[in-house]
């Protein structure tokens, strides 16, 4: 059974940075595209960033230029570097593997809370 574990969240001031990690156990994560999502209070889960097995990346307009997705296939881990954080970035952040259609492959993990506040 595949388990996704997100970590690295916390409380940060506006303009600050955080680096999130997503570790996948029970599967070879590198065979799929990796993706980060977030869900803010009262809002739907939204797709933020995708990295293909070949390393190509795509970002939502709301985070492009501020967030960077990367992966370490040897560690079966996907990362999200978040810079210039804004209060609007406050949300629970989730990772998953994704197909080209956008369909997620695994069950959702617990996510990691990111709070941006002064």
PDB file of N, CA and C in Angstrom:
ATOM      1  N   UNK A   1       0.840  -1.184   0.000  1.00  0.00           N
ATOM      2  CA  UNK A   1       0.000   0.000   0.000  1.00  0.00           C
ATOM      3  C   UNK A   1       0.885   1.247   0.000  1.00  0.00           C
ATOM      4  N   UNK A   2       0.539   2.219  -0.832  1.00  0.00           N
ATOM      5  CA  UNK A   2       1.322   3.429  -0.979  1.00  0.00           C
ATOM      6  C   UNK A   2       0.933   4.434   0.094  1.00  0.00           C
ATOM      7  N   UNK A   3       1.940   5.061   0.681  1.00  0.00           N
ATOM      8  CA  UNK A   3       1.721   6.110   1.664  1.00  0.00           C
ATOM      9  C   UNK A   3       2.481   7.357   1.249  1.00  0.00           C
ATOM     10  N   UNK A   4       1.791   8.490   1.251  1.00  0.00           N
ATOM     11  CA  UNK A   4       2.397   9.777   0.968  1.00  0.00           C
ATOM     12  C   UNK A   4       2.525  10.554   2.270  1.00  0.00           C
ATOM     13  N   UNK A   5       3.711  11.058   2.543  1.00  0.00           N
ATOM     14  CA  UNK A   5       3.961  11.810   3.761  1.00  0.00           C
ATOM     15  C   UNK A   5       4.538  13.165   3.404  1.00  0.00           C
ATOM     16  N   UNK A   6       3.777  14.223   3.675  1.00  0.00           N
ATOM     17  CA  UNK A   6       4.218  15.588   3.445  1.00  0.00           C
ATOM     18  C   UNK A   6       4.812  16.161   4.726  1.00  0.00           C
ATOM     19  N   UNK A   7       5.846  16.962   4.591  1.00  0.00           N
ATOM     20  CA  UNK A   7       6.475  17.582   5.746  1.00  0.00           C
ATOM     21  C   UNK A   7       7.095  18.916   5.349  1.00  0.00           C
ATOM     22  N   UNK A   8       7.478  19.704   6.340  1.00  0.00           N
ATOM     23  CA  UNK A   8       8.173  20.959   6.102  1.00  0.00           C
ATOM     24  C   UNK A   8       7.340  22.209   6.289  1.00  0.00           C
ATOM     25  N   UNK A   9       6.057  22.053   6.545  1.00  0.00           N
ATOM     26  CA  UNK A   9       5.211  23.207   6.754  1.00  0.00           C
ATOM     27  C   UNK A   9       5.470  23.864   8.094  1.00  0.00           C
ATOM     28  N   UNK A  10       4.817  25.004   8.304  1.00  0.00           N
ATOM     29  CA  UNK A  10       4.979  25.723   9.550  1.00  0.00           C
ATOM     30  C   UNK A  10       4.488  27.141   9.427  1.00  0.00           C
ATOM     31  N   UNK A  11       4.820  27.942  10.413  1.00  0.00           N
ATOM     32  CA  UNK A  11       4.454  29.356  10.451  1.00  0.00           C
ATOM     33  C   UNK A  11       5.608  30.192   9.926  1.00  0.00           C
ATOM     34  N   UNK A  12       5.312  31.072   8.982  1.00  0.00           N
ATOM     35  CA  UNK A  12       6.334  31.916   8.391  1.00  0.00           C
ATOM     36  C   UNK A  12       5.757  33.305   8.149  1.00  0.00           C
ATOM     37  N   UNK A  13       6.597  34.322   8.230  1.00  0.00           N
ATOM     38  CA  UNK A  13       6.165  35.690   7.974  1.00  0.00           C
ATOM     39  C   UNK A  13       6.041  35.958   6.479  1.00  0.00           C
ATOM     40  N   UNK A  14       5.196  36.911   6.091  1.00  0.00           N
ATOM     41  CA  UNK A  14       5.128  37.277   4.679  1.00  0.00           C
ATOM     42  C   UNK A  14       6.504  37.613   4.124  1.00  0.00           C
ATOM     43  N   UNK A  15       6.774  37.125   2.927  1.00  0.00           N
ATOM     44  CA  UNK A  15       8.073  37.316   2.313  1.00  0.00           C
ATOM     45  C   UNK A  15       9.066  36.221   2.635  1.00  0.00           C
ATOM     46  N   UNK A  16       8.723  35.352   3.555  1.00  0.00           N
ATOM     47  CA  UNK A  16       9.606  34.278   3.952  1.00  0.00           C
ATOM     48  C   UNK A  16       9.546  33.087   3.015  1.00  0.00           C
ATOM     49  N   UNK A  17      10.283  32.044   3.382  1.00  0.00           N
ATOM     50  CA  UNK A  17      10.405  30.858   2.551  1.00  0.00           C
ATOM     51  C   UNK A  17      10.222  29.585   3.361  1.00  0.00           C
ATOM     52  N   UNK A  18       9.756  28.548   2.695  1.00  0.00           N
ATOM     53  CA  UNK A  18       9.659  27.209   3.256  1.00  0.00           C
ATOM     54  C   UNK A  18       9.976  26.200   2.164  1.00  0.00           C
ATOM     55  N   UNK A  19      10.469  25.052   2.576  1.00  0.00           N
ATOM     56  CA  UNK A  19      10.725  23.955   1.646  1.00  0.00           C
ATOM     57  C   UNK A  19       9.940  22.736   2.113  1.00  0.00           C
ATOM     58  N   UNK A  20       9.000  22.295   1.301  1.00  0.00           N
ATOM     59  CA  UNK A  20       8.183  21.141   1.615  1.00  0.00           C
ATOM     60  C   UNK A  20       8.751  19.890   0.969  1.00  0.00           C
ATOM     61  N   UNK A  21       8.567  18.765   1.645  1.00  0.00           N
ATOM     62  CA  UNK A  21       9.009  17.482   1.127  1.00  0.00           C
ATOM     63  C   UNK A  21       7.841  16.522   1.051  1.00  0.00           C
ATOM     64  N   UNK A  22       7.861  15.654   0.071  1.00  0.00           N
ATOM     65  CA  UNK A  22       6.852  14.618  -0.107  1.00  0.00           C
ATOM     66  C   UNK A  22       7.568  13.303  -0.328  1.00  0.00           C
ATOM     67  N   UNK A  23       7.447  12.419   0.634  1.00  0.00           N
ATOM     68  CA  UNK A  23       8.066  11.103   0.543  1.00  0.00           C
ATOM     69  C   UNK A  23       7.007  10.062   0.227  1.00  0.00           C
ATOM     70  N   UNK A  24       7.280   9.236  -0.758  1.00  0.00           N
ATOM     71  CA  UNK A  24       6.363   8.179  -1.161  1.00  0.00           C
ATOM     72  C   UNK A  24       6.961   6.827  -0.809  1.00  0.00           C
ATOM     73  N   UNK A  25       6.220   6.061  -0.055  1.00  0.00           N
ATOM     74  CA  UNK A  25       6.652   4.718   0.300  1.00  0.00           C
ATOM     75  C   UNK A  25       5.741   3.698  -0.356  1.00  0.00           C
ATOM     76  N   UNK A  26       6.292   2.533  -0.655  1.00  0.00           N
ATOM     77  CA  UNK A  26       5.504   1.472  -1.250  1.00  0.00           C
ATOM     78  C   UNK A  26       5.311   1.587  -2.752  1.00  0.00           C
ATOM     79  N   UNK A  27       6.024   2.510  -3.378  1.00  0.00           N
ATOM     80  CA  UNK A  27       5.893   2.713  -4.810  1.00  0.00           C
ATOM     81  C   UNK A  27       7.144   3.382  -5.357  1.00  0.00           C
ATOM     82  N   UNK A  28       7.351   3.224  -6.658  1.00  0.00           N
ATOM     83  CA  UNK A  28       8.413   3.945  -7.336  1.00  0.00           C
ATOM     84  C   UNK A  28       7.807   5.238  -7.878  1.00  0.00           C
ATOM     85  N   UNK A  29       7.916   6.295  -7.096  1.00  0.00           N
ATOM     86  CA  UNK A  29       7.306   7.567  -7.408  1.00  0.00           C
ATOM     87  C   UNK A  29       7.810   8.131  -8.729  1.00  0.00           C
ATOM     88  N   UNK A  30       9.048   7.827  -9.068  1.00  0.00           N
ATOM     89  CA  UNK A  30       9.671   8.401 -10.252  1.00  0.00           C
ATOM     90  C   UNK A  30       9.030   7.970 -11.564  1.00  0.00           C
ATOM     91  N   UNK A  31       8.200   6.942 -11.538  1.00  0.00           N
ATOM     92  CA  UNK A  31       7.543   6.498 -12.758  1.00  0.00           C
ATOM     93  C   UNK A  31       6.365   7.393 -13.141  1.00  0.00           C
ATOM     94  N   UNK A  32       5.959   8.287 -12.257  1.00  0.00           N
ATOM     95  CA  UNK A  32       4.852   9.202 -12.495  1.00  0.00           C
ATOM     96  C   UNK A  32       5.316  10.651 -12.406  1.00  0.00           C
ATOM     97  N   UNK A  33       4.485  11.531 -12.904  1.00  0.00           N
ATOM     98  CA  UNK A  33       4.671  12.945 -12.615  1.00  0.00           C
ATOM     99  C   UNK A  33       4.350  13.188 -11.147  1.00  0.00           C
ATOM    100  N   UNK A  34       5.103  14.063 -10.515  1.00  0.00           N
ATOM    101  CA  UNK A  34       4.819  14.468  -9.155  1.00  0.00           C
ATOM    102  C   UNK A  34       4.094  15.796  -9.162  1.00  0.00           C
ATOM    103  N   UNK A  35       3.251  16.005  -8.183  1.00  0.00           N
ATOM    104  CA  UNK A  35       2.459  17.232  -8.149  1.00  0.00           C
ATOM    105  C   UNK A  35       2.227  17.693  -6.723  1.00  0.00           C
ATOM    106  N   UNK A  36       2.125  19.007  -6.563  1.00  0.00           N
ATOM    107  CA  UNK A  36       1.755  19.628  -5.295  1.00  0.00           C
ATOM    108  C   UNK A  36       0.419  20.336  -5.443  1.00  0.00           C
ATOM    109  N   UNK A  37      -0.384  20.245  -4.406  1.00  0.00           N
ATOM    110  CA  UNK A  37      -1.695  20.863  -4.340  1.00  0.00           C
ATOM    111  C   UNK A  37      -1.825  21.586  -3.004  1.00  0.00           C
ATOM    112  N   UNK A  38      -2.814  22.453  -2.901  1.00  0.00           N
ATOM    113  CA  UNK A  38      -3.122  23.047  -1.610  1.00  0.00           C
ATOM    114  C   UNK A  38      -4.619  23.258  -1.481  1.00  0.00           C
ATOM    115  N   UNK A  39      -5.059  23.306  -0.250  1.00  0.00           N
ATOM    116  CA  UNK A  39      -6.453  23.579   0.041  1.00  0.00           C
ATOM    117  C   UNK A  39      -6.528  24.607   1.159  1.00  0.00           C
ATOM    118  N   UNK A  40      -7.000  25.789   0.814  1.00  0.00           N
ATOM    119  CA  UNK A  40      -7.164  26.866   1.773  1.00  0.00           C
ATOM    120  C   UNK A  40      -8.527  26.749   2.441  1.00  0.00           C
ATOM    121  N   UNK A  41      -8.688  27.362   3.607  1.00  0.00           N
ATOM    122  CA  UNK A  41      -9.979  27.296   4.297  1.00  0.00           C
ATOM    123  C   UNK A  41     -11.120  27.787   3.414  1.00  0.00           C
ATOM    124  N   UNK A  42     -12.168  26.986   3.311  1.00  0.00           N
ATOM    125  CA  UNK A  42     -13.335  27.360   2.534  1.00  0.00           C
ATOM    126  C   UNK A  42     -13.177  27.261   1.034  1.00  0.00           C
ATOM    127  N   UNK A  43     -12.074  26.704   0.570  1.00  0.00           N
ATOM    128  CA  UNK A  43     -11.832  26.606  -0.859  1.00  0.00           C
ATOM    129  C   UNK A  43     -11.548  25.176  -1.288  1.00  0.00           C
ATOM    130  N   UNK A  44     -11.655  24.936  -2.589  1.00  0.00           N
ATOM    131  CA  UNK A  44     -11.375  23.628  -3.154  1.00  0.00           C
ATOM    132  C   UNK A  44      -9.865  23.398  -3.243  1.00  0.00           C
ATOM    133  N   UNK A  45      -9.491  22.135  -3.299  1.00  0.00           N
ATOM    134  CA  UNK A  45      -8.090  21.806  -3.507  1.00  0.00           C
ATOM    135  C   UNK A  45      -7.671  22.265  -4.899  1.00  0.00           C
ATOM    136  N   UNK A  46      -6.520  22.904  -4.995  1.00  0.00           N
ATOM    137  CA  UNK A  46      -6.039  23.390  -6.278  1.00  0.00           C
ATOM    138  C   UNK A  46      -4.651  22.839  -6.593  1.00  0.00           C
ATOM    139  N   UNK A  47      -4.425  22.600  -7.869  1.00  0.00           N
ATOM    140  CA  UNK A  47      -3.134  22.129  -8.342  1.00  0.00           C
ATOM    141  C   UNK A  47      -2.170  23.304  -8.448  1.00  0.00           C
ATOM    142  N   UNK A  48      -0.976  23.145  -7.897  1.00  0.00           N
ATOM    143  CA  UNK A  48       0.010  24.219  -7.878  1.00  0.00           C
ATOM    144  C   UNK A  48       1.166  24.001  -8.839  1.00  0.00           C
ATOM    145  N   UNK A  49       1.693  22.793  -8.864  1.00  0.00           N
ATOM    146  CA  UNK A  49       2.901  22.540  -9.631  1.00  0.00           C
ATOM    147  C   UNK A  49       2.995  21.075  -9.995  1.00  0.00           C
ATOM    148  N   UNK A  50       3.603  20.798 -11.144  1.00  0.00           N
ATOM    149  CA  UNK A  50       3.789  19.443 -11.634  1.00  0.00           C
ATOM    150  C   UNK A  50       5.209  19.292 -12.144  1.00  0.00           C
ATOM    151  N   UNK A  51       5.800  18.143 -11.882  1.00  0.00           N
ATOM    152  CA  UNK A  51       7.096  17.813 -12.456  1.00  0.00           C
ATOM    153  C   UNK A  51       7.005  16.415 -13.055  1.00  0.00           C
ATOM    154  N   UNK A  52       7.328  16.299 -14.330  1.00  0.00           N
ATOM    155  CA  UNK A  52       7.241  15.017 -15.018  1.00  0.00           C
ATOM    156  C   UNK A  52       8.412  14.126 -14.646  1.00  0.00           C
ATOM    157  N   UNK A  53       8.327  12.878 -15.063  1.00  0.00           N
ATOM    158  CA  UNK A  53       9.417  11.946 -14.811  1.00  0.00           C
ATOM    159  C   UNK A  53      10.705  12.404 -15.484  1.00  0.00           C
ATOM    160  N   UNK A  54      10.576  13.191 -16.548  1.00  0.00           N
ATOM    161  CA  UNK A  54      11.738  13.715 -17.244  1.00  0.00           C
ATOM    162  C   UNK A  54      12.240  15.041 -16.708  1.00  0.00           C
ATOM    163  N   UNK A  55      11.539  15.613 -15.731  1.00  0.00           N
ATOM    164  CA  UNK A  55      11.992  16.838 -15.103  1.00  0.00           C
ATOM    165  C   UNK A  55      11.354  18.115 -15.606  1.00  0.00           C
ATOM    166  N   UNK A  56      10.446  18.030 -16.558  1.00  0.00           N
ATOM    167  CA  UNK A  56       9.741  19.221 -17.018  1.00  0.00           C
ATOM    168  C   UNK A  56       8.759  19.690 -15.955  1.00  0.00           C
ATOM    169  N   UNK A  57       8.579  20.998 -15.838  1.00  0.00           N
ATOM    170  CA  UNK A  57       7.731  21.554 -14.789  1.00  0.00           C
ATOM    171  C   UNK A  57       6.674  22.486 -15.347  1.00  0.00           C
ATOM    172  N   UNK A  58       5.569  22.595 -14.611  1.00  0.00           N
ATOM    173  CA  UNK A  58       4.513  23.545 -14.904  1.00  0.00           C
ATOM    174  C   UNK A  58       3.944  24.049 -13.589  1.00  0.00           C
ATOM    175  N   UNK A  59       3.484  25.305 -13.591  1.00  0.00           N
ATOM    176  CA  UNK A  59       3.013  25.951 -12.377  1.00  0.00           C
ATOM    177  C   UNK A  59       1.706  26.681 -12.606  1.00  0.00           C
ATOM    178  N   UNK A  60       0.917  26.751 -11.554  1.00  0.00           N
ATOM    179  CA  UNK A  60      -0.251  27.608 -11.575  1.00  0.00           C
ATOM    180  C   UNK A  60       0.198  29.068 -11.579  1.00  0.00           C
ATOM    181  N   UNK A  61      -0.604  29.917 -12.195  1.00  0.00           N
ATOM    182  CA  UNK A  61      -0.243  31.324 -12.285  1.00  0.00           C
ATOM    183  C   UNK A  61      -0.055  31.994 -10.936  1.00  0.00           C
ATOM    184  N   UNK A  62      -0.770  31.524  -9.932  1.00  0.00           N
ATOM    185  CA  UNK A  62      -0.704  32.139  -8.617  1.00  0.00           C
ATOM    186  C   UNK A  62       0.636  31.927  -7.915  1.00  0.00           C
ATOM    187  N   UNK A  63       1.397  30.927  -8.346  1.00  0.00           N
ATOM    188  CA  UNK A  63       2.658  30.618  -7.678  1.00  0.00           C
ATOM    189  C   UNK A  63       3.857  30.679  -8.615  1.00  0.00           C
ATOM    190  N   UNK A  64       3.623  30.832  -9.886  1.00  0.00           N
ATOM    191  CA  UNK A  64       4.717  30.858 -10.855  1.00  0.00           C
ATOM    192  C   UNK A  64       5.669  32.006 -10.551  1.00  0.00           C
ATOM    193  N   UNK A  65       6.951  31.685 -10.543  1.00  0.00           N
ATOM    194  CA  UNK A  65       7.964  32.667 -10.216  1.00  0.00           C
ATOM    195  C   UNK A  65       8.312  32.717  -8.749  1.00  0.00           C
ATOM    196  N   UNK A  66       7.481  32.117  -7.907  1.00  0.00           N
ATOM    197  CA  UNK A  66       7.735  32.089  -6.471  1.00  0.00           C
ATOM    198  C   UNK A  66       8.022  30.694  -5.950  1.00  0.00           C
ATOM    199  N   UNK A  67       7.353  29.689  -6.521  1.00  0.00           N
ATOM    200  CA  UNK A  67       7.504  28.303  -6.081  1.00  0.00           C
ATOM    201  C   UNK A  67       8.298  27.511  -7.117  1.00  0.00           C
ATOM    202  N   UNK A  68       9.068  26.536  -6.639  1.00  0.00           N
ATOM    203  CA  UNK A  68       9.829  25.662  -7.516  1.00  0.00           C
ATOM    204  C   UNK A  68       9.642  24.214  -7.086  1.00  0.00           C
ATOM    205  N   UNK A  69       9.197  23.373  -8.008  1.00  0.00           N
ATOM    206  CA  UNK A  69       9.046  21.954  -7.731  1.00  0.00           C
ATOM    207  C   UNK A  69      10.273  21.218  -8.245  1.00  0.00           C
ATOM    208  N   UNK A  70      10.719  20.229  -7.491  1.00  0.00           N
ATOM    209  CA  UNK A  70      11.866  19.429  -7.890  1.00  0.00           C
ATOM    210  C   UNK A  70      11.686  18.013  -7.366  1.00  0.00           C
ATOM    211  N   UNK A  71      12.561  17.117  -7.802  1.00  0.00           N
ATOM    212  CA  UNK A  71      12.457  15.741  -7.327  1.00  0.00           C
ATOM    213  C   UNK A  71      13.817  15.100  -7.209  1.00  0.00           C
ATOM    214  N   UNK A  72      13.911  14.146  -6.311  1.00  0.00           N
ATOM    215  CA  UNK A  72      15.101  13.340  -6.125  1.00  0.00           C
ATOM    216  C   UNK A  72      14.657  11.895  -6.262  1.00  0.00           C
ATOM    217  N   UNK A  73      14.857  11.340  -7.428  1.00  0.00           N
ATOM    218  CA  UNK A  73      14.357   9.993  -7.697  1.00  0.00           C
ATOM    219  C   UNK A  73      15.025   8.938  -6.814  1.00  0.00           C
ATOM    220  N   UNK A  74      16.286   9.155  -6.477  1.00  0.00           N
ATOM    221  CA  UNK A  74      16.987   8.211  -5.620  1.00  0.00           C
ATOM    222  C   UNK A  74      16.352   8.127  -4.238  1.00  0.00           C
ATOM    223  N   UNK A  75      15.758   9.229  -3.790  1.00  0.00           N
ATOM    224  CA  UNK A  75      15.105   9.273  -2.483  1.00  0.00           C
ATOM    225  C   UNK A  75      13.596   9.102  -2.578  1.00  0.00           C
ATOM    226  N   UNK A  76      13.081   8.934  -3.797  1.00  0.00           N
ATOM    227  CA  UNK A  76      11.640   8.782  -4.005  1.00  0.00           C
ATOM    228  C   UNK A  76      10.878   9.942  -3.372  1.00  0.00           C
ATOM    229  N   UNK A  77      11.379  11.141  -3.592  1.00  0.00           N
ATOM    230  CA  UNK A  77      10.866  12.322  -2.920  1.00  0.00           C
ATOM    231  C   UNK A  77      10.675  13.472  -3.901  1.00  0.00           C
ATOM    232  N   UNK A  78       9.603  14.230  -3.702  1.00  0.00           N
ATOM    233  CA  UNK A  78       9.329  15.444  -4.457  1.00  0.00           C
ATOM    234  C   UNK A  78       9.330  16.621  -3.491  1.00  0.00           C
ATOM    235  N   UNK A  79       9.878  17.752  -3.923  1.00  0.00           N
ATOM    236  CA  UNK A  79      10.009  18.928  -3.081  1.00  0.00           C
ATOM    237  C   UNK A  79       9.253  20.112  -3.662  1.00  0.00           C
ATOM    238  N   UNK A  80       8.926  21.049  -2.797  1.00  0.00           N
ATOM    239  CA  UNK A  80       8.363  22.318  -3.223  1.00  0.00           C
ATOM    240  C   UNK A  80       9.045  23.433  -2.451  1.00  0.00           C
ATOM    241  N   UNK A  81       9.881  24.195  -3.137  1.00  0.00           N
ATOM    242  CA  UNK A  81      10.514  25.362  -2.545  1.00  0.00           C
ATOM    243  C   UNK A  81       9.584  26.549  -2.724  1.00  0.00           C
ATOM    244  N   UNK A  82       9.208  27.185  -1.638  1.00  0.00           N
ATOM    245  CA  UNK A  82       8.267  28.285  -1.658  1.00  0.00           C
ATOM    246  C   UNK A  82       8.961  29.550  -1.163  1.00  0.00           C
ATOM    247  N   UNK A  83       9.050  30.543  -2.026  1.00  0.00           N
ATOM    248  CA  UNK A  83       9.665  31.823  -1.693  1.00  0.00           C
ATOM    249  C   UNK A  83       8.634  32.944  -1.795  1.00  0.00           C
ATOM    250  N   UNK A  84       8.975  34.084  -1.224  1.00  0.00           N
ATOM    251  CA  UNK A  84       8.105  35.261  -1.278  1.00  0.00           C
ATOM    252  C   UNK A  84       6.679  34.930  -0.862  1.00  0.00           C
ATOM    253  N   UNK A  85       6.549  34.235   0.232  1.00  0.00           N
ATOM    254  CA  UNK A  85       5.241  33.759   0.664  1.00  0.00           C
ATOM    255  C   UNK A  85       4.319  34.907   1.056  1.00  0.00           C
ATOM    256  N   UNK A  86       3.052  34.724   0.751  1.00  0.00           N
ATOM    257  CA  UNK A  86       2.008  35.697   1.022  1.00  0.00           C
ATOM    258  C   UNK A  86       0.965  35.092   1.952  1.00  0.00           C
ATOM    259  N   UNK A  87       0.212  35.924   2.660  1.00  0.00           N
ATOM    260  CA  UNK A  87      -0.858  35.380   3.502  1.00  0.00           C
ATOM    261  C   UNK A  87      -1.834  34.508   2.722  1.00  0.00           C
ATOM    262  N   UNK A  88      -2.060  34.814   1.455  1.00  0.00           N
ATOM    263  CA  UNK A  88      -2.959  34.033   0.619  1.00  0.00           C
ATOM    264  C   UNK A  88      -2.445  32.617   0.362  1.00  0.00           C
ATOM    265  N   UNK A  89      -1.188  32.358   0.656  1.00  0.00           N
ATOM    266  CA  UNK A  89      -0.627  31.024   0.495  1.00  0.00           C
ATOM    267  C   UNK A  89      -0.967  30.106   1.667  1.00  0.00           C
ATOM    268  N   UNK A  90      -1.576  30.646   2.692  1.00  0.00           N
ATOM    269  CA  UNK A  90      -1.943  29.841   3.848  1.00  0.00           C
ATOM    270  C   UNK A  90      -2.915  28.741   3.432  1.00  0.00           C
ATOM    271  N   UNK A  91      -2.547  27.499   3.713  1.00  0.00           N
ATOM    272  CA  UNK A  91      -3.341  26.348   3.290  1.00  0.00           C
ATOM    273  C   UNK A  91      -2.684  25.078   3.801  1.00  0.00           C
ATOM    274  N   UNK A  92      -3.393  23.973   3.633  1.00  0.00           N
ATOM    275  CA  UNK A  92      -2.788  22.667   3.821  1.00  0.00           C
ATOM    276  C   UNK A  92      -2.262  22.216   2.465  1.00  0.00           C
ATOM    277  N   UNK A  93      -1.006  21.826   2.428  1.00  0.00           N
ATOM    278  CA  UNK A  93      -0.349  21.448   1.186  1.00  0.00           C
ATOM    279  C   UNK A  93      -0.239  19.933   1.083  1.00  0.00           C
ATOM    280  N   UNK A  94      -0.594  19.405  -0.091  1.00  0.00           N
ATOM    281  CA  UNK A  94      -0.601  17.976  -0.348  1.00  0.00           C
ATOM    282  C   UNK A  94       0.234  17.661  -1.581  1.00  0.00           C
ATOM    283  N   UNK A  95       0.737  16.444  -1.638  1.00  0.00           N
ATOM    284  CA  UNK A  95       1.404  15.970  -2.836  1.00  0.00           C
ATOM    285  C   UNK A  95       0.697  14.732  -3.357  1.00  0.00           C
ATOM    286  N   UNK A  96       0.992  14.381  -4.604  1.00  0.00           N
ATOM    287  CA  UNK A  96       0.478  13.155  -5.191  1.00  0.00           C
ATOM    288  C   UNK A  96       1.218  12.892  -6.492  1.00  0.00           C
ATOM    289  N   UNK A  97       1.023  11.699  -7.016  1.00  0.00           N
ATOM    290  CA  UNK A  97       1.440  11.394  -8.372  1.00  0.00           C
ATOM    291  C   UNK A  97       0.260  11.671  -9.284  1.00  0.00           C
ATOM    292  N   UNK A  98       0.541  12.076 -10.512  1.00  0.00           N
ATOM    293  CA  UNK A  98      -0.523  12.478 -11.417  1.00  0.00           C
ATOM    294  C   UNK A  98      -0.313  11.919 -12.814  1.00  0.00           C
ATOM    295  N   UNK A  99      -1.412  11.601 -13.463  1.00  0.00           N
ATOM    296  CA  UNK A  99      -1.399  11.205 -14.858  1.00  0.00           C
ATOM    297  C   UNK A  99      -1.489  12.446 -15.735  1.00  0.00           C
ATOM    298  N   UNK A 100      -1.309  12.263 -17.028  1.00  0.00           N
ATOM    299  CA  UNK A 100      -1.340  13.402 -17.943  1.00  0.00           C
ATOM    300  C   UNK A 100      -2.697  14.087 -17.952  1.00  0.00           C
ATOM    301  N   UNK A 101      -3.735  13.364 -17.585  1.00  0.00           N
ATOM    302  CA  UNK A 101      -5.076  13.933 -17.516  1.00  0.00           C
ATOM    303  C   UNK A 101      -5.292  14.767 -16.266  1.00  0.00           C
ATOM    304  N   UNK A 102      -4.377  14.679 -15.327  1.00  0.00           N
ATOM    305  CA  UNK A 102      -4.537  15.359 -14.062  1.00  0.00           C
ATOM    306  C   UNK A 102      -5.085  14.472 -12.964  1.00  0.00           C
ATOM    307  N   UNK A 103      -5.502  13.286 -13.312  1.00  0.00           N
ATOM    308  CA  UNK A 103      -6.014  12.342 -12.328  1.00  0.00           C
ATOM    309  C   UNK A 103      -4.909  11.926 -11.367  1.00  0.00           C
ATOM    310  N   UNK A 104      -5.201  11.938 -10.095  1.00  0.00           N
ATOM    311  CA  UNK A 104      -4.222  11.526  -9.098  1.00  0.00           C
ATOM    312  C   UNK A 104      -4.166  10.013  -9.004  1.00  0.00           C
ATOM    313  N   UNK A 105      -3.006   9.507  -8.614  1.00  0.00           N
ATOM    314  CA  UNK A 105      -2.754   8.077  -8.615  1.00  0.00           C
ATOM    315  C   UNK A 105      -3.007   7.453  -7.252  1.00  0.00           C
ATOM    316  N   UNK A 106      -2.623   8.148  -6.194  1.00  0.00           N
ATOM    317  CA  UNK A 106      -2.680   7.585  -4.852  1.00  0.00           C
ATOM    318  C   UNK A 106      -3.733   8.258  -3.983  1.00  0.00           C
ATOM    319  N   UNK A 107      -4.034   7.614  -2.874  1.00  0.00           N
ATOM    320  CA  UNK A 107      -4.887   8.242  -1.885  1.00  0.00           C
ATOM    321  C   UNK A 107      -4.151   9.433  -1.272  1.00  0.00           C
ATOM    322  N   UNK A 108      -4.911  10.432  -0.841  1.00  0.00           N
ATOM    323  CA  UNK A 108      -4.316  11.624  -0.255  1.00  0.00           C
ATOM    324  C   UNK A 108      -3.693  11.342   1.100  1.00  0.00           C
ATOM    325  N   UNK A 109      -2.558  11.985   1.339  1.00  0.00           N
ATOM    326  CA  UNK A 109      -1.954  11.941   2.656  1.00  0.00           C
ATOM    327  C   UNK A 109      -2.598  12.971   3.563  1.00  0.00           C
ATOM    328  N   UNK A 110      -1.978  13.217   4.717  1.00  0.00           N
ATOM    329  CA  UNK A 110      -2.532  14.164   5.674  1.00  0.00           C
ATOM    330  C   UNK A 110      -2.206  15.616   5.333  1.00  0.00           C
ATOM    331  N   UNK A 111      -1.213  15.828   4.488  1.00  0.00           N
ATOM    332  CA  UNK A 111      -0.814  17.176   4.136  1.00  0.00           C
ATOM    333  C   UNK A 111       0.029  17.817   5.225  1.00  0.00           C
ATOM    334  N   UNK A 112       0.552  19.000   4.911  1.00  0.00           N
ATOM    335  CA  UNK A 112       1.320  19.762   5.879  1.00  0.00           C
ATOM    336  C   UNK A 112       0.818  21.205   5.874  1.00  0.00           C
ATOM    337  N   UNK A 113       0.593  21.746   7.056  1.00  0.00           N
ATOM    338  CA  UNK A 113       0.010  23.076   7.198  1.00  0.00           C
ATOM    339  C   UNK A 113       1.062  24.160   6.974  1.00  0.00           C
ATOM    340  N   UNK A 114       0.729  25.112   6.117  1.00  0.00           N
ATOM    341  CA  UNK A 114       1.551  26.300   5.906  1.00  0.00           C
ATOM    342  C   UNK A 114       0.731  27.510   6.309  1.00  0.00           C
ATOM    343  N   UNK A 115       1.247  28.291   7.226  1.00  0.00           N
ATOM    344  CA  UNK A 115       0.571  29.501   7.677  1.00  0.00           C
ATOM    345  C   UNK A 115       1.499  30.686   7.479  1.00  0.00           C
ATOM    346  N   UNK A 116       1.044  31.664   6.706  1.00  0.00           N
ATOM    347  CA  UNK A 116       1.828  32.864   6.423  1.00  0.00           C
ATOM    348  C   UNK A 116       1.149  34.025   7.124  1.00  0.00           C
ATOM    349  N   UNK A 117       1.794  34.549   8.140  1.00  0.00           N
ATOM    350  CA  UNK A 117       1.197  35.604   8.952  1.00  0.00           C
ATOM    351  C   UNK A 117       2.284  36.395   9.660  1.00  0.00           C
ATOM    352  N   UNK A 118       2.030  37.688   9.837  1.00  0.00           N
ATOM    353  CA  UNK A 118       2.935  38.533  10.585  1.00  0.00           C
ATOM    354  C   UNK A 118       2.563  38.612  12.051  1.00  0.00           C
TER     355      UNK A 118
END
